[in-house]
Amino acid sequence: SLVISGHLSVGDRWRIISLRFDQGMTPNQIAYIINCSRITVLNILQLFRETNNVTEHEGRGRTLLNNRK
């Protein structure tokens, strides 16, 4: 599972998607604009391709109290 640095807001993550697919920018350009690493951009794009979302699922690799059956 992907681990994405948590400093990006959800808004920034969607902005990455928009810059890539609406503006056609390269990951390098996006990283410069968002002020994050290219790897982070690539991880967000991969997460979006796999899940159609930009946030990791709650509780992935983590036990939540409300998961009790």
PDB file of N, CA and C in Angstrom:
ATOM      1  N   SER A   1       0.840  -1.190   0.000  1.00  0.00           N
ATOM      2  CA  SER A   1       0.000   0.000   0.000  1.00  0.00           C
ATOM      3  C   SER A   1       0.880   1.247   0.000  1.00  0.00           C
ATOM      4  N   LEU A   2       0.365   2.283  -0.578  1.00  0.00           N
ATOM      5  CA  LEU A   2       1.124   3.514  -0.710  1.00  0.00           C
ATOM      6  C   LEU A   2       1.120   4.303   0.588  1.00  0.00           C
ATOM      7  N   VAL A   3       2.257   4.844   0.918  1.00  0.00           N
ATOM      8  CA  VAL A   3       2.316   5.756   2.046  1.00  0.00           C
ATOM      9  C   VAL A   3       2.601   7.139   1.483  1.00  0.00           C
ATOM     10  N   ILE A   4       1.704   8.062   1.717  1.00  0.00           N
ATOM     11  CA  ILE A   4       1.837   9.402   1.164  1.00  0.00           C
ATOM     12  C   ILE A   4       2.078  10.378   2.295  1.00  0.00           C
ATOM     13  N   SER A   5       3.052  11.240   2.097  1.00  0.00           N
ATOM     14  CA  SER A   5       3.361  12.208   3.136  1.00  0.00           C
ATOM     15  C   SER A   5       2.119  13.015   3.463  1.00  0.00           C
ATOM     16  N   GLY A   6       1.857  13.174   4.744  1.00  0.00           N
ATOM     17  CA  GLY A   6       0.586  13.710   5.177  1.00  0.00           C
ATOM     18  C   GLY A   6       0.469  15.222   5.151  1.00  0.00           C
ATOM     19  N   HIS A   7       1.501  15.935   4.685  1.00  0.00           N
ATOM     20  CA  HIS A   7       1.418  17.390   4.792  1.00  0.00           C
ATOM     21  C   HIS A   7       0.535  18.014   3.717  1.00  0.00           C
ATOM     22  N   LEU A   8       0.169  17.255   2.703  1.00  0.00           N
ATOM     23  CA  LEU A   8      -0.684  17.808   1.651  1.00  0.00           C
ATOM     24  C   LEU A   8      -2.146  17.762   2.073  1.00  0.00           C
ATOM     25  N   SER A   9      -2.819  18.880   1.925  1.00  0.00           N
ATOM     26  CA  SER A   9      -4.254  18.889   2.207  1.00  0.00           C
ATOM     27  C   SER A   9      -4.993  18.148   1.100  1.00  0.00           C
ATOM     28  N   VAL A  10      -6.224  17.783   1.378  1.00  0.00           N
ATOM     29  CA  VAL A  10      -7.041  17.131   0.353  1.00  0.00           C
ATOM     30  C   VAL A  10      -7.199  18.060  -0.848  1.00  0.00           C
ATOM     31  N   GLY A  11      -7.317  19.352  -0.578  1.00  0.00           N
ATOM     32  CA  GLY A  11      -7.418  20.322  -1.670  1.00  0.00           C
ATOM     33  C   GLY A  11      -6.190  20.310  -2.560  1.00  0.00           C
ATOM     34  N   ASP A  12      -5.004  20.238  -1.942  1.00  0.00           N
ATOM     35  CA  ASP A  12      -3.772  20.165  -2.725  1.00  0.00           C
ATOM     36  C   ASP A  12      -3.724  18.889  -3.555  1.00  0.00           C
ATOM     37  N   ARG A  13      -4.205  17.802  -2.979  1.00  0.00           N
ATOM     38  CA  ARG A  13      -4.196  16.529  -3.701  1.00  0.00           C
ATOM     39  C   ARG A  13      -5.081  16.606  -4.937  1.00  0.00           C
ATOM     40  N   TRP A  14      -6.286  17.191  -4.782  1.00  0.00           N
ATOM     41  CA  TRP A  14      -7.163  17.339  -5.947  1.00  0.00           C
ATOM     42  C   TRP A  14      -6.563  18.307  -6.957  1.00  0.00           C
ATOM     43  N   ARG A  15      -5.824  19.314  -6.456  1.00  0.00           N
ATOM     44  CA  ARG A  15      -5.172  20.254  -7.367  1.00  0.00           C
ATOM     45  C   ARG A  15      -4.131  19.527  -8.218  1.00  0.00           C
ATOM     46  N   ILE A  16      -3.417  18.584  -7.617  1.00  0.00           N
ATOM     47  CA  ILE A  16      -2.454  17.766  -8.365  1.00  0.00           C
ATOM     48  C   ILE A  16      -3.165  17.035  -9.497  1.00  0.00           C
ATOM     49  N   ILE A  17      -4.309  16.420  -9.194  1.00  0.00           N
ATOM     50  CA  ILE A  17      -5.071  15.694 -10.213  1.00  0.00           C
ATOM     51  C   ILE A  17      -5.502  16.639 -11.327  1.00  0.00           C
ATOM     52  N   SER A  18      -5.997  17.818 -10.939  1.00  0.00           N
ATOM     53  CA  SER A  18      -6.466  18.789 -11.923  1.00  0.00           C
ATOM     54  C   SER A  18      -5.326  19.294 -12.799  1.00  0.00           C
ATOM     55  N   LEU A  19      -4.194  19.610 -12.191  1.00  0.00           N
ATOM     56  CA  LEU A  19      -3.057  20.106 -12.964  1.00  0.00           C
ATOM     57  C   LEU A  19      -2.578  19.053 -13.956  1.00  0.00           C
ATOM     58  N   ARG A  20      -2.622  17.796 -13.540  1.00  0.00           N
ATOM     59  CA  ARG A  20      -2.150  16.716 -14.408  1.00  0.00           C
ATOM     60  C   ARG A  20      -3.114  16.479 -15.563  1.00  0.00           C
ATOM     61  N   PHE A  21      -4.386  16.309 -15.254  1.00  0.00           N
ATOM     62  CA  PHE A  21      -5.333  15.853 -16.271  1.00  0.00           C
ATOM     63  C   PHE A  21      -6.049  16.999 -16.974  1.00  0.00           C
ATOM     64  N   ASP A  22      -6.304  18.113 -16.267  1.00  0.00           N
ATOM     65  CA  ASP A  22      -6.964  19.249 -16.918  1.00  0.00           C
ATOM     66  C   ASP A  22      -5.954  20.157 -17.613  1.00  0.00           C
ATOM     67  N   GLN A  23      -4.811  20.392 -16.967  1.00  0.00           N
ATOM     68  CA  GLN A  23      -3.807  21.302 -17.527  1.00  0.00           C
ATOM     69  C   GLN A  23      -2.704  20.567 -18.289  1.00  0.00           C
ATOM     70  N   GLY A  24      -2.629  19.246 -18.119  1.00  0.00           N
ATOM     71  CA  GLY A  24      -1.617  18.470 -18.839  1.00  0.00           C
ATOM     72  C   GLY A  24      -0.192  18.717 -18.377  1.00  0.00           C
ATOM     73  N   MET A  25      -0.014  19.123 -17.135  1.00  0.00           N
ATOM     74  CA  MET A  25       1.329  19.395 -16.624  1.00  0.00           C
ATOM     75  C   MET A  25       2.070  18.104 -16.295  1.00  0.00           C
ATOM     76  N   THR A  26       3.391  18.202 -16.315  1.00  0.00           N
ATOM     77  CA  THR A  26       4.214  17.055 -15.934  1.00  0.00           C
ATOM     78  C   THR A  26       4.292  16.981 -14.409  1.00  0.00           C
ATOM     79  N   PRO A  27       4.586  15.786 -13.887  1.00  0.00           N
ATOM     80  CA  PRO A  27       4.774  15.664 -12.435  1.00  0.00           C
ATOM     81  C   PRO A  27       5.818  16.638 -11.889  1.00  0.00           C
ATOM     82  N   ASN A  28       6.882  16.905 -12.655  1.00  0.00           N
ATOM     83  CA  ASN A  28       7.892  17.862 -12.198  1.00  0.00           C
ATOM     84  C   ASN A  28       7.313  19.265 -12.041  1.00  0.00           C
ATOM     85  N   GLN A  29       6.518  19.693 -13.017  1.00  0.00           N
ATOM     86  CA  GLN A  29       5.901  21.022 -12.940  1.00  0.00           C
ATOM     87  C   GLN A  29       4.944  21.109 -11.756  1.00  0.00           C
ATOM     88  N   ILE A  30       4.167  20.034 -11.576  1.00  0.00           N
ATOM     89  CA  ILE A  30       3.191  20.007 -10.484  1.00  0.00           C
ATOM     90  C   ILE A  30       3.900  20.071  -9.135  1.00  0.00           C
ATOM     91  N   ALA A  31       4.970  19.310  -8.987  1.00  0.00           N
ATOM     92  CA  ALA A  31       5.716  19.298  -7.727  1.00  0.00           C
ATOM     93  C   ALA A  31       6.228  20.694  -7.398  1.00  0.00           C
ATOM     94  N   TYR A  32       6.672  21.417  -8.433  1.00  0.00           N
ATOM     95  CA  TYR A  32       7.166  22.775  -8.230  1.00  0.00           C
ATOM     96  C   TYR A  32       6.045  23.699  -7.759  1.00  0.00           C
ATOM     97  N   ILE A  33       4.881  23.592  -8.386  1.00  0.00           N
ATOM     98  CA  ILE A  33       3.748  24.460  -8.060  1.00  0.00           C
ATOM     99  C   ILE A  33       3.196  24.158  -6.667  1.00  0.00           C
ATOM    100  N   ILE A  34       3.030  22.876  -6.363  1.00  0.00           N
ATOM    101  CA  ILE A  34       2.442  22.474  -5.085  1.00  0.00           C
ATOM    102  C   ILE A  34       3.474  22.563  -3.960  1.00  0.00           C
ATOM    103  N   ASN A  35       4.747  22.620  -4.356  1.00  0.00           N
ATOM    104  CA  ASN A  35       5.844  22.653  -3.391  1.00  0.00           C
ATOM    105  C   ASN A  35       5.937  21.347  -2.604  1.00  0.00           C
ATOM    106  N   CYS A  36       5.982  20.248  -3.356  1.00  0.00           N
ATOM    107  CA  CYS A  36       6.188  18.933  -2.753  1.00  0.00           C
ATOM    108  C   CYS A  36       7.138  18.170  -3.669  1.00  0.00           C
ATOM    109  N   SER A  37       7.470  16.950  -3.314  1.00  0.00           N
ATOM    110  CA  SER A  37       8.400  16.181  -4.134  1.00  0.00           C
ATOM    111  C   SER A  37       7.678  15.541  -5.314  1.00  0.00           C
ATOM    112  N   ARG A  38       8.440  15.263  -6.360  1.00  0.00           N
ATOM    113  CA  ARG A  38       7.887  14.592  -7.529  1.00  0.00           C
ATOM    114  C   ARG A  38       7.329  13.223  -7.148  1.00  0.00           C
ATOM    115  N   ILE A  39       7.998  12.554  -6.215  1.00  0.00           N
ATOM    116  CA  ILE A  39       7.533  11.238  -5.766  1.00  0.00           C
ATOM    117  C   ILE A  39       6.143  11.344  -5.153  1.00  0.00           C
ATOM    118  N   THR A  40       5.924  12.391  -4.357  1.00  0.00           N
ATOM    119  CA  THR A  40       4.604  12.593  -3.763  1.00  0.00           C
ATOM    120  C   THR A  40       3.552  12.770  -4.846  1.00  0.00           C
ATOM    121  N   VAL A  41       3.873  13.576  -5.860  1.00  0.00           N
ATOM    122  CA  VAL A  41       2.939  13.769  -6.979  1.00  0.00           C
ATOM    123  C   VAL A  41       2.619  12.432  -7.632  1.00  0.00           C
ATOM    124  N   LEU A  42       3.654  11.641  -7.908  1.00  0.00           N
ATOM    125  CA  LEU A  42       3.441  10.348  -8.568  1.00  0.00           C
ATOM    126  C   LEU A  42       2.597   9.427  -7.699  1.00  0.00           C
ATOM    127  N   ASN A  43       2.818   9.459  -6.386  1.00  0.00           N
ATOM    128  CA  ASN A  43       2.033   8.618  -5.485  1.00  0.00           C
ATOM    129  C   ASN A  43       0.565   9.024  -5.482  1.00  0.00           C
ATOM    130  N   ILE A  44       0.310  10.340  -5.467  1.00  0.00           N
ATOM    131  CA  ILE A  44      -1.078  10.816  -5.504  1.00  0.00           C
ATOM    132  C   ILE A  44      -1.739  10.380  -6.804  1.00  0.00           C
ATOM    133  N   LEU A  45      -1.027  10.523  -7.918  1.00  0.00           N
ATOM    134  CA  LEU A  45      -1.586  10.135  -9.215  1.00  0.00           C
ATOM    135  C   LEU A  45      -1.874   8.640  -9.259  1.00  0.00           C
ATOM    136  N   GLN A  46      -0.978   7.840  -8.686  1.00  0.00           N
ATOM    137  CA  GLN A  46      -1.189   6.392  -8.671  1.00  0.00           C
ATOM    138  C   GLN A  46      -2.377   6.030  -7.785  1.00  0.00           C
ATOM    139  N   LEU A  47      -2.464   6.681  -6.629  1.00  0.00           N
ATOM    140  CA  LEU A  47      -3.592   6.441  -5.728  1.00  0.00           C
ATOM    141  C   LEU A  47      -4.906   6.782  -6.422  1.00  0.00           C
ATOM    142  N   PHE A  48      -4.911   7.897  -7.166  1.00  0.00           N
ATOM    143  CA  PHE A  48      -6.119   8.307  -7.881  1.00  0.00           C
ATOM    144  C   PHE A  48      -6.492   7.285  -8.954  1.00  0.00           C
ATOM    145  N   ARG A  49      -5.475   6.793  -9.686  1.00  0.00           N
ATOM    146  CA  ARG A  49      -5.753   5.793 -10.725  1.00  0.00           C
ATOM    147  C   ARG A  49      -6.325   4.517 -10.126  1.00  0.00           C
ATOM    148  N   GLU A  50      -5.829   4.133  -8.954  1.00  0.00           N
ATOM    149  CA  GLU A  50      -6.258   2.867  -8.351  1.00  0.00           C
ATOM    150  C   GLU A  50      -7.604   2.976  -7.647  1.00  0.00           C
ATOM    151  N   THR A  51      -7.907   4.153  -7.086  1.00  0.00           N
ATOM    152  CA  THR A  51      -9.082   4.255  -6.216  1.00  0.00           C
ATOM    153  C   THR A  51     -10.080   5.328  -6.636  1.00  0.00           C
ATOM    154  N   ASN A  52      -9.728   6.145  -7.652  1.00  0.00           N
ATOM    155  CA  ASN A  52     -10.556   7.298  -8.020  1.00  0.00           C
ATOM    156  C   ASN A  52     -10.735   8.269  -6.863  1.00  0.00           C
ATOM    157  N   ASN A  53      -9.786   8.239  -5.937  1.00  0.00           N
ATOM    158  CA  ASN A  53      -9.834   9.164  -4.816  1.00  0.00           C
ATOM    159  C   ASN A  53      -8.410   9.603  -4.508  1.00  0.00           C
ATOM    160  N   VAL A  54      -8.264  10.573  -3.629  1.00  0.00           N
ATOM    161  CA  VAL A  54      -6.935  11.085  -3.318  1.00  0.00           C
ATOM    162  C   VAL A  54      -6.593  10.933  -1.845  1.00  0.00           C
ATOM    163  N   THR A  55      -7.450  10.237  -1.104  1.00  0.00           N
ATOM    164  CA  THR A  55      -7.154   9.973   0.300  1.00  0.00           C
ATOM    165  C   THR A  55      -7.107   8.476   0.531  1.00  0.00           C
ATOM    166  N   GLU A  56      -6.157   8.062   1.363  1.00  0.00           N
ATOM    167  CA  GLU A  56      -6.063   6.651   1.692  1.00  0.00           C
ATOM    168  C   GLU A  56      -7.283   6.234   2.490  1.00  0.00           C
ATOM    169  N   HIS A  57      -7.665   4.978   2.344  1.00  0.00           N
ATOM    170  CA  HIS A  57      -8.816   4.485   3.094  1.00  0.00           C
ATOM    171  C   HIS A  57      -8.517   4.519   4.581  1.00  0.00           C
ATOM    172  N   GLU A  58      -9.503   4.906   5.356  1.00  0.00           N
ATOM    173  CA  GLU A  58      -9.352   4.874   6.808  1.00  0.00           C
ATOM    174  C   GLU A  58      -9.034   3.451   7.248  1.00  0.00           C
ATOM    175  N   GLY A  59      -8.068   3.343   8.142  1.00  0.00           N
ATOM    176  CA  GLY A  59      -7.805   2.060   8.755  1.00  0.00           C
ATOM    177  C   GLY A  59      -6.969   1.112   7.930  1.00  0.00           C
ATOM    178  N   ARG A  60      -6.488   1.556   6.776  1.00  0.00           N
ATOM    179  CA  ARG A  60      -5.596   0.683   6.017  1.00  0.00           C
ATOM    180  C   ARG A  60      -4.299   0.519   6.806  1.00  0.00           C
ATOM    181  N   GLY A  61      -4.015  -0.698   7.215  1.00  0.00           N
ATOM    182  CA  GLY A  61      -2.820  -0.961   7.996  1.00  0.00           C
ATOM    183  C   GLY A  61      -2.922  -0.470   9.433  1.00  0.00           C
ATOM    184  N   ARG A  62      -4.126  -0.174   9.869  1.00  0.00           N
ATOM    185  CA  ARG A  62      -4.320   0.440  11.170  1.00  0.00           C
ATOM    186  C   ARG A  62      -5.647  -0.077  11.712  1.00  0.00           C
ATOM    187  N   THR A  63      -5.683  -0.426  12.989  1.00  0.00           N
ATOM    188  CA  THR A  63      -6.918  -0.951  13.555  1.00  0.00           C
ATOM    189  C   THR A  63      -7.730   0.179  14.166  1.00  0.00           C
ATOM    190  N   LEU A  64      -8.970   0.291  13.765  1.00  0.00           N
ATOM    191  CA  LEU A  64      -9.854   1.313  14.314  1.00  0.00           C
ATOM    192  C   LEU A  64     -10.800   0.680  15.322  1.00  0.00           C
ATOM    193  N   LEU A  65     -11.145   1.434  16.343  1.00  0.00           N
ATOM    194  CA  LEU A  65     -12.014   0.900  17.387  1.00  0.00           C
ATOM    195  C   LEU A  65     -13.375   0.504  16.846  1.00  0.00           C
ATOM    196  N   ASN A  66     -13.871   1.240  15.857  1.00  0.00           N
ATOM    197  CA  ASN A  66     -15.215   0.937  15.361  1.00  0.00           C
ATOM    198  C   ASN A  66     -15.233  -0.213  14.360  1.00  0.00           C
ATOM    199  N   ASN A  67     -14.095  -0.907  14.214  1.00  0.00           N
ATOM    200  CA  ASN A  67     -14.062  -2.059  13.317  1.00  0.00           C
ATOM    201  C   ASN A  67     -14.512  -3.345  13.998  1.00  0.00           C
ATOM    202  N   ARG A  68     -14.865  -3.258  15.281  1.00  0.00           N
ATOM    203  CA  ARG A  68     -15.283  -4.475  15.980  1.00  0.00           C
ATOM    204  C   ARG A  68     -16.530  -5.050  15.339  1.00  0.00           C
ATOM    205  N   LYS A  69     -16.527  -6.355  15.162  1.00  0.00           N
ATOM    206  CA  LYS A  69     -17.683  -7.014  14.534  1.00  0.00           C
ATOM    207  C   LYS A  69     -18.728  -7.329  15.601  1.00  0.00           C
TER     208      LYS A  69
END
